């Protein structure tokens, strides 16, 4: 994997082959950040990456100037790799070893951007549950954006907070925003 833009542009990061990861492809990552460039100011943003795996997206957010990043993954070798890489590259990435569902149920901070890349093999209702936990637990700041990466076979179109989806090959990014305040 490589960092596409920012202070570490072009840097290649080689994750150990033993890690159970499926990093977002460079093509899909570049497309996502082109969208974000027009929608969300990344510099100084508070970012949460769920199902962080190799930390691919955390490194990209850090390279582009995110103020703080929290990377969450339940696999200890993955979190150790992220921590080691973030330290080497002097990136503002904090790492937590946790199951994302448990984390979302208990965590009470809020973020400018939340990115989740759950295993594509999860059930449809589990993807919906992730989005619901993020939204219902108010983990997004009022103008925040939640992005979920999933396969083209997962349909998020019925989720009440879905704003839009974009497909790149077999990868889809679904974008969620806070509902209008008056809907209380």
N, C-alpha and C. Protein backbone atom coordinates (compact mmCIF):
# COMPACT_ATOMS: atom_id res chain seq x y z
N UNK A 1 0.85 -1.17 0.00
CA UNK A 1 0.00 0.00 0.00
C UNK A 1 0.89 1.22 0.00
N UNK A 2 0.34 2.33 -0.52
CA UNK A 2 1.11 3.57 -0.53
C UNK A 2 0.23 4.72 -0.10
N UNK A 3 0.89 5.75 0.41
CA UNK A 3 0.19 6.97 0.79
C UNK A 3 0.11 7.83 -0.46
N UNK A 4 -1.10 8.26 -0.79
CA UNK A 4 -1.35 8.92 -2.07
C UNK A 4 -0.99 10.40 -2.07
N UNK A 5 -1.23 11.10 -0.94
CA UNK A 5 -1.02 12.54 -0.96
C UNK A 5 -0.62 13.03 0.42
N UNK A 6 -0.21 14.28 0.48
CA UNK A 6 0.14 14.89 1.75
C UNK A 6 1.62 14.84 2.04
N UNK A 7 1.95 14.99 3.32
CA UNK A 7 3.34 15.08 3.73
C UNK A 7 4.14 13.79 3.48
N UNK A 8 3.47 12.67 3.40
CA UNK A 8 4.14 11.38 3.15
C UNK A 8 3.80 10.83 1.76
N UNK A 9 3.41 11.71 0.85
CA UNK A 9 3.00 11.30 -0.50
C UNK A 9 4.03 10.36 -1.14
N UNK A 10 3.52 9.25 -1.68
CA UNK A 10 4.36 8.29 -2.37
C UNK A 10 5.02 7.25 -1.49
N UNK A 11 4.95 7.43 -0.18
CA UNK A 11 5.59 6.47 0.73
C UNK A 11 4.86 5.13 0.66
N UNK A 12 5.62 4.08 0.50
CA UNK A 12 5.07 2.72 0.50
C UNK A 12 5.20 2.13 1.89
N UNK A 13 4.14 1.46 2.31
CA UNK A 13 4.12 0.79 3.61
C UNK A 13 3.81 -0.67 3.36
N UNK A 14 4.69 -1.53 3.82
CA UNK A 14 4.53 -2.96 3.61
C UNK A 14 4.06 -3.62 4.90
N UNK A 15 2.81 -4.01 4.93
CA UNK A 15 2.27 -4.73 6.10
C UNK A 15 2.74 -6.19 6.04
N UNK A 16 3.00 -6.79 7.18
CA UNK A 16 3.37 -8.22 7.19
C UNK A 16 2.28 -9.07 6.52
N UNK A 17 2.71 -10.05 5.77
CA UNK A 17 1.76 -10.92 5.06
C UNK A 17 0.87 -11.70 6.03
N UNK A 18 1.30 -11.83 7.27
CA UNK A 18 0.53 -12.59 8.27
C UNK A 18 -0.70 -11.83 8.77
N UNK A 19 -0.80 -10.54 8.49
CA UNK A 19 -1.96 -9.78 8.96
C UNK A 19 -3.19 -10.11 8.12
N UNK A 20 -4.34 -10.32 8.78
CA UNK A 20 -5.57 -10.64 8.05
C UNK A 20 -6.24 -9.37 7.53
N UNK A 21 -5.63 -8.74 6.53
CA UNK A 21 -6.14 -7.45 6.06
C UNK A 21 -6.43 -7.47 4.57
N UNK A 22 -7.29 -6.53 4.18
CA UNK A 22 -7.64 -6.28 2.78
C UNK A 22 -7.63 -4.77 2.62
N UNK A 23 -6.42 -4.18 2.46
CA UNK A 23 -6.36 -2.71 2.39
C UNK A 23 -7.16 -2.15 1.21
N UNK A 24 -7.75 -0.99 1.43
CA UNK A 24 -8.46 -0.28 0.38
C UNK A 24 -7.49 -0.06 -0.78
N UNK A 25 -7.92 -0.36 -1.99
CA UNK A 25 -7.04 -0.21 -3.15
C UNK A 25 -6.67 1.26 -3.35
N UNK A 26 -5.53 1.49 -3.96
CA UNK A 26 -5.10 2.86 -4.24
C UNK A 26 -6.12 3.60 -5.09
N UNK A 27 -6.70 2.90 -6.08
CA UNK A 27 -7.69 3.54 -6.96
C UNK A 27 -8.91 4.01 -6.15
N UNK A 28 -9.44 3.13 -5.31
CA UNK A 28 -10.61 3.48 -4.51
C UNK A 28 -10.26 4.56 -3.48
N UNK A 29 -9.09 4.45 -2.87
CA UNK A 29 -8.68 5.43 -1.87
C UNK A 29 -8.52 6.81 -2.51
N UNK A 30 -7.91 6.86 -3.68
CA UNK A 30 -7.74 8.14 -4.38
C UNK A 30 -9.10 8.75 -4.73
N UNK A 31 -10.03 7.92 -5.18
CA UNK A 31 -11.38 8.41 -5.50
C UNK A 31 -12.07 8.95 -4.25
N UNK A 32 -11.96 8.24 -3.14
CA UNK A 32 -12.58 8.70 -1.90
C UNK A 32 -12.01 10.04 -1.47
N UNK A 33 -10.71 10.19 -1.49
CA UNK A 33 -10.12 11.44 -1.03
C UNK A 33 -10.37 12.59 -2.01
N UNK A 34 -10.61 12.29 -3.26
CA UNK A 34 -11.05 13.33 -4.20
C UNK A 34 -12.43 13.84 -3.80
N UNK A 35 -13.30 12.92 -3.38
CA UNK A 35 -14.64 13.31 -2.91
C UNK A 35 -14.51 14.14 -1.63
N UNK A 36 -13.71 13.65 -0.69
CA UNK A 36 -13.56 14.34 0.59
C UNK A 36 -12.96 15.74 0.43
N UNK A 37 -12.08 15.90 -0.53
CA UNK A 37 -11.44 17.20 -0.76
C UNK A 37 -12.50 18.29 -1.00
N UNK A 38 -13.62 17.90 -1.61
CA UNK A 38 -14.68 18.87 -1.92
C UNK A 38 -15.77 18.91 -0.85
N UNK A 39 -15.74 17.98 0.10
CA UNK A 39 -16.82 17.91 1.09
C UNK A 39 -16.38 18.21 2.52
N UNK A 40 -15.16 17.89 2.85
CA UNK A 40 -14.76 17.93 4.26
C UNK A 40 -13.32 18.42 4.38
N UNK A 41 -13.09 19.32 5.31
CA UNK A 41 -11.74 19.82 5.56
C UNK A 41 -11.02 18.80 6.44
N UNK A 42 -9.96 18.20 5.94
CA UNK A 42 -9.25 17.15 6.67
C UNK A 42 -8.22 17.73 7.63
N UNK A 43 -7.57 18.83 7.23
CA UNK A 43 -6.52 19.40 8.06
C UNK A 43 -7.08 19.76 9.44
N UNK A 44 -6.50 19.18 10.48
CA UNK A 44 -6.94 19.43 11.85
C UNK A 44 -8.12 18.60 12.30
N UNK A 45 -8.69 17.78 11.42
CA UNK A 45 -9.88 16.99 11.75
C UNK A 45 -9.58 15.91 12.79
N UNK A 46 -10.60 15.59 13.56
CA UNK A 46 -10.56 14.48 14.50
C UNK A 46 -11.20 13.29 13.79
N UNK A 47 -10.41 12.21 13.60
CA UNK A 47 -10.81 11.07 12.77
C UNK A 47 -10.84 9.78 13.59
N UNK A 48 -11.82 8.95 13.31
CA UNK A 48 -11.92 7.61 13.89
C UNK A 48 -11.92 6.62 12.75
N UNK A 49 -11.01 5.63 12.80
CA UNK A 49 -11.02 4.54 11.82
C UNK A 49 -11.39 3.25 12.54
N UNK A 50 -12.49 2.64 12.10
CA UNK A 50 -12.96 1.37 12.66
C UNK A 50 -12.56 0.23 11.74
N UNK A 51 -12.28 -0.93 12.32
CA UNK A 51 -11.79 -2.08 11.55
C UNK A 51 -10.53 -1.63 10.80
N UNK A 52 -9.59 -1.05 11.54
CA UNK A 52 -8.45 -0.37 10.95
C UNK A 52 -7.49 -1.28 10.19
N UNK A 53 -7.42 -2.55 10.53
CA UNK A 53 -6.55 -3.47 9.80
C UNK A 53 -5.11 -3.03 9.81
N UNK A 54 -4.56 -2.72 8.64
CA UNK A 54 -3.16 -2.30 8.51
C UNK A 54 -2.97 -0.82 8.85
N UNK A 55 -4.06 -0.07 9.00
CA UNK A 55 -3.97 1.36 9.26
C UNK A 55 -3.89 2.20 8.01
N UNK A 56 -4.11 1.58 6.87
CA UNK A 56 -4.00 2.23 5.56
C UNK A 56 -4.69 3.60 5.52
N UNK A 57 -5.92 3.66 5.93
CA UNK A 57 -6.67 4.91 5.86
C UNK A 57 -6.19 5.91 6.93
N UNK A 58 -5.81 5.42 8.09
CA UNK A 58 -5.28 6.31 9.13
C UNK A 58 -4.03 7.03 8.64
N UNK A 59 -3.14 6.29 7.97
CA UNK A 59 -1.92 6.91 7.45
C UNK A 59 -2.26 7.99 6.42
N UNK A 60 -3.26 7.72 5.59
CA UNK A 60 -3.65 8.69 4.56
C UNK A 60 -4.22 9.96 5.21
N UNK A 61 -5.09 9.78 6.21
CA UNK A 61 -5.64 10.94 6.91
C UNK A 61 -4.53 11.72 7.61
N UNK A 62 -3.59 11.02 8.25
CA UNK A 62 -2.48 11.69 8.94
C UNK A 62 -1.60 12.45 7.96
N UNK A 63 -1.29 11.86 6.83
CA UNK A 63 -0.45 12.50 5.82
C UNK A 63 -1.10 13.77 5.30
N UNK A 64 -2.42 13.80 5.31
CA UNK A 64 -3.16 14.97 4.82
C UNK A 64 -3.47 15.99 5.91
N UNK A 65 -2.90 15.78 7.11
CA UNK A 65 -2.97 16.79 8.15
C UNK A 65 -4.05 16.64 9.19
N UNK A 66 -4.68 15.47 9.30
CA UNK A 66 -5.67 15.27 10.36
C UNK A 66 -5.02 15.57 11.71
N UNK A 67 -5.76 16.21 12.61
CA UNK A 67 -5.22 16.59 13.90
C UNK A 67 -5.01 15.43 14.84
N UNK A 68 -5.96 14.51 14.87
CA UNK A 68 -5.84 13.31 15.70
C UNK A 68 -6.64 12.19 15.05
N UNK A 69 -6.12 10.98 15.22
CA UNK A 69 -6.75 9.81 14.63
C UNK A 69 -6.77 8.71 15.68
N UNK A 70 -7.92 8.07 15.81
CA UNK A 70 -8.06 6.90 16.68
C UNK A 70 -8.34 5.71 15.78
N UNK A 71 -7.44 4.72 15.79
CA UNK A 71 -7.58 3.52 14.98
C UNK A 71 -8.00 2.37 15.89
N UNK A 72 -9.10 1.70 15.53
CA UNK A 72 -9.64 0.61 16.35
C UNK A 72 -9.66 -0.68 15.54
N UNK A 73 -9.09 -1.73 16.12
CA UNK A 73 -9.13 -3.05 15.50
C UNK A 73 -9.01 -4.08 16.61
N UNK A 74 -9.61 -5.24 16.44
CA UNK A 74 -9.57 -6.26 17.48
C UNK A 74 -8.36 -7.18 17.37
N UNK A 75 -7.64 -7.13 16.27
CA UNK A 75 -6.51 -8.03 16.03
C UNK A 75 -5.23 -7.38 16.55
N UNK A 76 -4.64 -7.93 17.62
CA UNK A 76 -3.48 -7.32 18.26
C UNK A 76 -2.28 -7.13 17.33
N UNK A 77 -1.96 -8.09 16.46
CA UNK A 77 -0.83 -7.83 15.54
C UNK A 77 -1.10 -6.65 14.60
N UNK A 78 -2.37 -6.44 14.21
CA UNK A 78 -2.70 -5.28 13.38
C UNK A 78 -2.46 -3.99 14.15
N UNK A 79 -2.96 -3.93 15.38
CA UNK A 79 -2.81 -2.70 16.16
C UNK A 79 -1.33 -2.44 16.49
N UNK A 80 -0.57 -3.50 16.73
CA UNK A 80 0.87 -3.33 16.98
C UNK A 80 1.56 -2.76 15.74
N UNK A 81 1.18 -3.24 14.55
CA UNK A 81 1.76 -2.73 13.31
C UNK A 81 1.40 -1.25 13.11
N UNK A 82 0.15 -0.89 13.36
CA UNK A 82 -0.27 0.52 13.21
C UNK A 82 0.53 1.40 14.17
N UNK A 83 0.61 0.97 15.41
CA UNK A 83 1.32 1.75 16.43
C UNK A 83 2.79 1.95 16.04
N UNK A 84 3.43 0.88 15.59
CA UNK A 84 4.84 0.94 15.18
C UNK A 84 5.02 1.89 13.98
N UNK A 85 4.16 1.75 12.97
CA UNK A 85 4.26 2.58 11.77
C UNK A 85 3.98 4.04 12.09
N UNK A 86 2.96 4.31 12.91
CA UNK A 86 2.63 5.68 13.28
C UNK A 86 3.79 6.33 14.03
N UNK A 87 4.43 5.58 14.90
CA UNK A 87 5.58 6.11 15.64
C UNK A 87 6.73 6.42 14.69
N UNK A 88 7.03 5.48 13.79
CA UNK A 88 8.12 5.69 12.83
C UNK A 88 7.88 6.91 11.96
N UNK A 89 6.63 7.13 11.55
CA UNK A 89 6.30 8.23 10.65
C UNK A 89 5.88 9.51 11.39
N UNK A 90 5.91 9.44 12.73
CA UNK A 90 5.53 10.57 13.58
C UNK A 90 4.14 11.09 13.24
N UNK A 91 3.19 10.16 13.21
CA UNK A 91 1.80 10.48 12.89
C UNK A 91 0.96 10.49 14.16
N UNK A 92 -0.04 11.38 14.24
CA UNK A 92 -0.89 11.49 15.44
C UNK A 92 -1.98 10.42 15.50
N UNK A 93 -1.56 9.16 15.55
CA UNK A 93 -2.50 8.04 15.55
C UNK A 93 -2.43 7.32 16.89
N UNK A 94 -3.57 7.26 17.57
CA UNK A 94 -3.71 6.48 18.79
C UNK A 94 -4.38 5.17 18.38
N UNK A 95 -4.02 4.08 19.04
CA UNK A 95 -4.53 2.77 18.66
C UNK A 95 -5.22 2.12 19.85
N UNK A 96 -6.38 1.52 19.59
CA UNK A 96 -7.11 0.77 20.61
C UNK A 96 -7.41 -0.62 20.09
N UNK A 97 -7.12 -1.62 20.92
CA UNK A 97 -7.48 -3.00 20.59
C UNK A 97 -8.89 -3.23 21.12
N UNK A 98 -9.84 -3.39 20.21
CA UNK A 98 -11.23 -3.59 20.63
C UNK A 98 -12.06 -4.11 19.46
N UNK A 99 -13.10 -4.84 19.81
CA UNK A 99 -14.11 -5.23 18.84
C UNK A 99 -14.89 -3.96 18.50
N UNK A 100 -15.05 -3.67 17.23
CA UNK A 100 -15.69 -2.42 16.81
C UNK A 100 -17.12 -2.29 17.34
N UNK A 101 -17.88 -3.37 17.36
CA UNK A 101 -19.26 -3.30 17.84
C UNK A 101 -19.31 -2.92 19.33
N UNK A 102 -18.46 -3.55 20.14
CA UNK A 102 -18.40 -3.21 21.57
C UNK A 102 -17.92 -1.78 21.76
N UNK A 103 -16.90 -1.41 21.00
CA UNK A 103 -16.37 -0.05 21.07
C UNK A 103 -17.47 0.97 20.78
N UNK A 104 -18.21 0.76 19.69
CA UNK A 104 -19.27 1.70 19.30
C UNK A 104 -20.38 1.77 20.34
N UNK A 105 -20.63 0.68 21.02
CA UNK A 105 -21.69 0.66 22.04
C UNK A 105 -21.33 1.48 23.27
N UNK A 106 -20.01 1.59 23.56
CA UNK A 106 -19.57 2.23 24.80
C UNK A 106 -18.91 3.59 24.62
N UNK A 107 -18.32 3.83 23.49
CA UNK A 107 -17.51 5.04 23.25
C UNK A 107 -18.40 6.28 23.16
N UNK A 108 -17.96 7.39 23.77
CA UNK A 108 -18.80 8.58 23.79
C UNK A 108 -18.09 9.86 23.35
N UNK A 109 -17.08 9.76 22.54
CA UNK A 109 -16.46 10.96 21.98
C UNK A 109 -17.14 11.24 20.64
N UNK A 110 -16.80 12.35 20.00
CA UNK A 110 -17.36 12.56 18.66
C UNK A 110 -16.27 13.05 17.72
N UNK A 111 -16.52 12.87 16.42
CA UNK A 111 -15.49 13.01 15.40
C UNK A 111 -15.99 13.80 14.20
N UNK A 112 -15.03 14.41 13.51
CA UNK A 112 -15.33 15.09 12.25
C UNK A 112 -15.56 14.08 11.15
N UNK A 113 -14.73 13.02 11.14
CA UNK A 113 -14.82 11.98 10.12
C UNK A 113 -14.67 10.62 10.79
N UNK A 114 -15.55 9.71 10.44
CA UNK A 114 -15.43 8.32 10.88
C UNK A 114 -15.39 7.47 9.62
N UNK A 115 -14.40 6.58 9.55
CA UNK A 115 -14.27 5.68 8.42
C UNK A 115 -14.29 4.26 8.96
N UNK A 116 -15.13 3.41 8.36
CA UNK A 116 -15.21 2.00 8.76
C UNK A 116 -15.04 1.12 7.53
N UNK A 117 -14.21 0.11 7.67
CA UNK A 117 -13.99 -0.86 6.59
C UNK A 117 -14.15 -2.27 7.17
N UNK A 118 -15.41 -2.64 7.51
CA UNK A 118 -15.64 -3.96 8.10
C UNK A 118 -15.32 -5.07 7.11
N UNK A 119 -15.09 -6.28 7.61
CA UNK A 119 -14.88 -7.41 6.69
C UNK A 119 -16.07 -7.54 5.75
N UNK A 120 -15.80 -7.72 4.49
CA UNK A 120 -16.87 -7.81 3.50
C UNK A 120 -17.80 -8.99 3.78
N UNK A 121 -17.35 -9.98 4.52
CA UNK A 121 -18.14 -11.17 4.80
C UNK A 121 -19.19 -11.01 5.89
N UNK A 122 -19.27 -9.84 6.51
CA UNK A 122 -20.31 -9.64 7.53
C UNK A 122 -21.70 -9.72 6.89
N UNK A 123 -22.68 -10.01 7.72
CA UNK A 123 -24.06 -10.05 7.26
C UNK A 123 -24.57 -8.63 7.00
N UNK A 124 -25.54 -8.51 6.14
CA UNK A 124 -26.16 -7.22 5.79
C UNK A 124 -26.58 -6.44 7.04
N UNK A 125 -27.23 -7.13 7.98
CA UNK A 125 -27.71 -6.43 9.18
C UNK A 125 -26.56 -5.93 10.06
N UNK A 126 -25.40 -6.57 9.98
CA UNK A 126 -24.25 -6.10 10.76
C UNK A 126 -23.72 -4.78 10.20
N UNK A 127 -23.73 -4.63 8.88
CA UNK A 127 -23.33 -3.35 8.28
C UNK A 127 -24.30 -2.25 8.71
N UNK A 128 -25.59 -2.56 8.69
CA UNK A 128 -26.59 -1.58 9.12
C UNK A 128 -26.42 -1.25 10.61
N UNK A 129 -26.07 -2.25 11.40
CA UNK A 129 -25.87 -2.05 12.83
C UNK A 129 -24.70 -1.09 13.09
N UNK A 130 -23.63 -1.21 12.33
CA UNK A 130 -22.48 -0.31 12.49
C UNK A 130 -22.92 1.13 12.24
N UNK A 131 -23.61 1.35 11.13
CA UNK A 131 -24.08 2.70 10.81
C UNK A 131 -25.04 3.22 11.89
N UNK A 132 -25.93 2.38 12.36
CA UNK A 132 -26.88 2.80 13.39
C UNK A 132 -26.18 3.14 14.70
N UNK A 133 -25.19 2.34 15.09
CA UNK A 133 -24.45 2.62 16.33
C UNK A 133 -23.72 3.97 16.24
N UNK A 134 -23.10 4.23 15.10
CA UNK A 134 -22.40 5.51 14.92
C UNK A 134 -23.39 6.67 15.04
N UNK A 135 -24.52 6.55 14.36
CA UNK A 135 -25.48 7.65 14.33
C UNK A 135 -26.24 7.80 15.64
N UNK A 136 -26.74 6.71 16.19
CA UNK A 136 -27.55 6.77 17.41
C UNK A 136 -26.75 7.19 18.63
N UNK A 137 -25.46 6.82 18.66
CA UNK A 137 -24.61 7.19 19.80
C UNK A 137 -23.95 8.54 19.60
N UNK A 138 -24.36 9.25 18.56
CA UNK A 138 -23.91 10.62 18.28
C UNK A 138 -22.39 10.74 18.27
N UNK A 139 -21.75 9.83 17.56
CA UNK A 139 -20.29 9.85 17.48
C UNK A 139 -19.78 10.85 16.44
N UNK A 140 -20.69 11.37 15.62
CA UNK A 140 -20.31 12.39 14.65
C UNK A 140 -20.57 13.78 15.22
N UNK A 141 -19.66 14.70 14.94
CA UNK A 141 -19.92 16.10 15.26
C UNK A 141 -21.07 16.55 14.36
N UNK A 142 -21.73 17.68 14.69
CA UNK A 142 -22.89 18.11 13.90
C UNK A 142 -22.67 18.17 12.40
N UNK A 143 -21.50 18.56 11.95
CA UNK A 143 -21.22 18.60 10.51
C UNK A 143 -20.34 17.44 10.07
N UNK A 144 -20.29 16.38 10.89
CA UNK A 144 -19.41 15.25 10.62
C UNK A 144 -19.89 14.34 9.51
N UNK A 145 -18.99 13.49 9.08
CA UNK A 145 -19.26 12.57 7.98
C UNK A 145 -18.79 11.17 8.35
N UNK A 146 -19.67 10.20 8.17
CA UNK A 146 -19.33 8.79 8.39
C UNK A 146 -19.29 8.10 7.03
N UNK A 147 -18.19 7.41 6.77
CA UNK A 147 -18.01 6.70 5.50
C UNK A 147 -17.81 5.23 5.81
N UNK A 148 -18.59 4.38 5.17
CA UNK A 148 -18.42 2.94 5.31
C UNK A 148 -18.03 2.35 3.97
N UNK A 149 -16.96 1.59 3.98
CA UNK A 149 -16.55 0.86 2.79
C UNK A 149 -17.16 -0.53 2.86
N UNK A 150 -17.71 -0.97 1.73
CA UNK A 150 -18.29 -2.32 1.68
C UNK A 150 -18.27 -2.81 0.24
N UNK A 151 -18.61 -4.06 0.05
CA UNK A 151 -18.63 -4.61 -1.30
C UNK A 151 -19.90 -4.19 -2.02
N UNK A 152 -19.88 -4.35 -3.32
CA UNK A 152 -21.05 -4.00 -4.14
C UNK A 152 -22.24 -4.90 -3.82
N UNK A 153 -22.01 -6.00 -3.10
CA UNK A 153 -23.09 -6.93 -2.76
C UNK A 153 -23.83 -6.54 -1.48
N UNK A 154 -23.32 -5.54 -0.77
CA UNK A 154 -23.97 -5.06 0.45
C UNK A 154 -24.81 -3.83 0.08
N UNK A 155 -26.08 -3.87 0.44
CA UNK A 155 -27.00 -2.78 0.10
C UNK A 155 -27.30 -1.94 1.33
N UNK A 156 -26.83 -0.70 1.32
CA UNK A 156 -27.08 0.21 2.44
C UNK A 156 -28.18 1.21 2.11
N UNK A 157 -28.82 1.07 0.97
CA UNK A 157 -29.77 2.09 0.48
C UNK A 157 -30.97 2.31 1.40
N UNK A 158 -31.31 1.36 2.23
CA UNK A 158 -32.48 1.51 3.10
C UNK A 158 -32.15 2.15 4.45
N UNK A 159 -30.86 2.40 4.72
CA UNK A 159 -30.52 2.99 6.02
C UNK A 159 -31.00 4.45 6.05
N UNK A 160 -31.69 4.83 7.10
CA UNK A 160 -32.33 6.15 7.17
C UNK A 160 -31.35 7.31 7.11
N UNK A 161 -30.10 7.12 7.48
CA UNK A 161 -29.15 8.23 7.49
C UNK A 161 -28.20 8.23 6.29
N UNK A 162 -28.43 7.31 5.36
CA UNK A 162 -27.57 7.26 4.17
C UNK A 162 -27.78 8.51 3.34
N UNK A 163 -26.70 9.16 2.99
CA UNK A 163 -26.76 10.36 2.16
C UNK A 163 -26.50 10.00 0.70
N UNK A 164 -25.46 9.18 0.45
CA UNK A 164 -25.15 8.77 -0.92
C UNK A 164 -24.17 7.61 -0.88
N UNK A 165 -24.00 6.96 -2.03
CA UNK A 165 -23.02 5.89 -2.19
C UNK A 165 -22.30 6.08 -3.51
N UNK A 166 -21.04 5.69 -3.54
CA UNK A 166 -20.24 5.74 -4.76
C UNK A 166 -19.54 4.40 -4.92
N UNK A 167 -19.58 3.88 -6.14
CA UNK A 167 -18.99 2.57 -6.41
C UNK A 167 -17.74 2.72 -7.26
N UNK A 168 -16.70 1.98 -6.89
CA UNK A 168 -15.43 1.93 -7.62
C UNK A 168 -15.05 0.47 -7.76
N UNK A 169 -15.32 -0.11 -8.92
CA UNK A 169 -15.09 -1.54 -9.10
C UNK A 169 -15.99 -2.31 -8.16
N UNK A 170 -15.43 -3.21 -7.38
CA UNK A 170 -16.22 -3.98 -6.43
C UNK A 170 -16.38 -3.30 -5.08
N UNK A 171 -15.80 -2.12 -4.93
CA UNK A 171 -15.83 -1.38 -3.67
C UNK A 171 -16.88 -0.27 -3.72
N UNK A 172 -17.62 -0.12 -2.62
CA UNK A 172 -18.60 0.96 -2.50
C UNK A 172 -18.29 1.74 -1.24
N UNK A 173 -18.37 3.06 -1.33
CA UNK A 173 -18.29 3.94 -0.17
C UNK A 173 -19.68 4.50 0.05
N UNK A 174 -20.23 4.25 1.25
CA UNK A 174 -21.52 4.82 1.61
C UNK A 174 -21.27 5.95 2.59
N UNK A 175 -21.92 7.10 2.35
CA UNK A 175 -21.74 8.30 3.14
C UNK A 175 -22.98 8.56 3.98
N UNK A 176 -22.76 8.84 5.26
CA UNK A 176 -23.85 9.10 6.21
C UNK A 176 -23.61 10.44 6.87
N UNK A 177 -24.70 11.16 7.09
CA UNK A 177 -24.63 12.44 7.77
C UNK A 177 -25.65 12.44 8.90
N UNK A 178 -25.44 13.38 9.83
CA UNK A 178 -26.40 13.51 10.92
C UNK A 178 -27.77 13.87 10.37
N UNK A 179 -28.84 13.32 10.96
CA UNK A 179 -30.19 13.73 10.53
C UNK A 179 -30.45 15.17 10.93
N UNK A 180 -31.43 15.80 10.33
CA UNK A 180 -31.79 17.17 10.67
C UNK A 180 -32.16 17.27 12.13
N UNK A 181 -31.74 18.34 12.76
CA UNK A 181 -31.99 18.55 14.19
C UNK A 181 -33.47 18.57 14.54
N UNK A 182 -34.32 19.05 13.65
CA UNK A 182 -35.74 19.20 13.99
C UNK A 182 -36.50 17.88 14.03
N UNK A 183 -35.85 16.76 13.69
CA UNK A 183 -36.53 15.47 13.69
C UNK A 183 -36.56 14.81 15.07
N UNK A 184 -36.54 15.56 16.13
CA UNK A 184 -36.49 14.97 17.48
C UNK A 184 -37.84 14.60 17.99
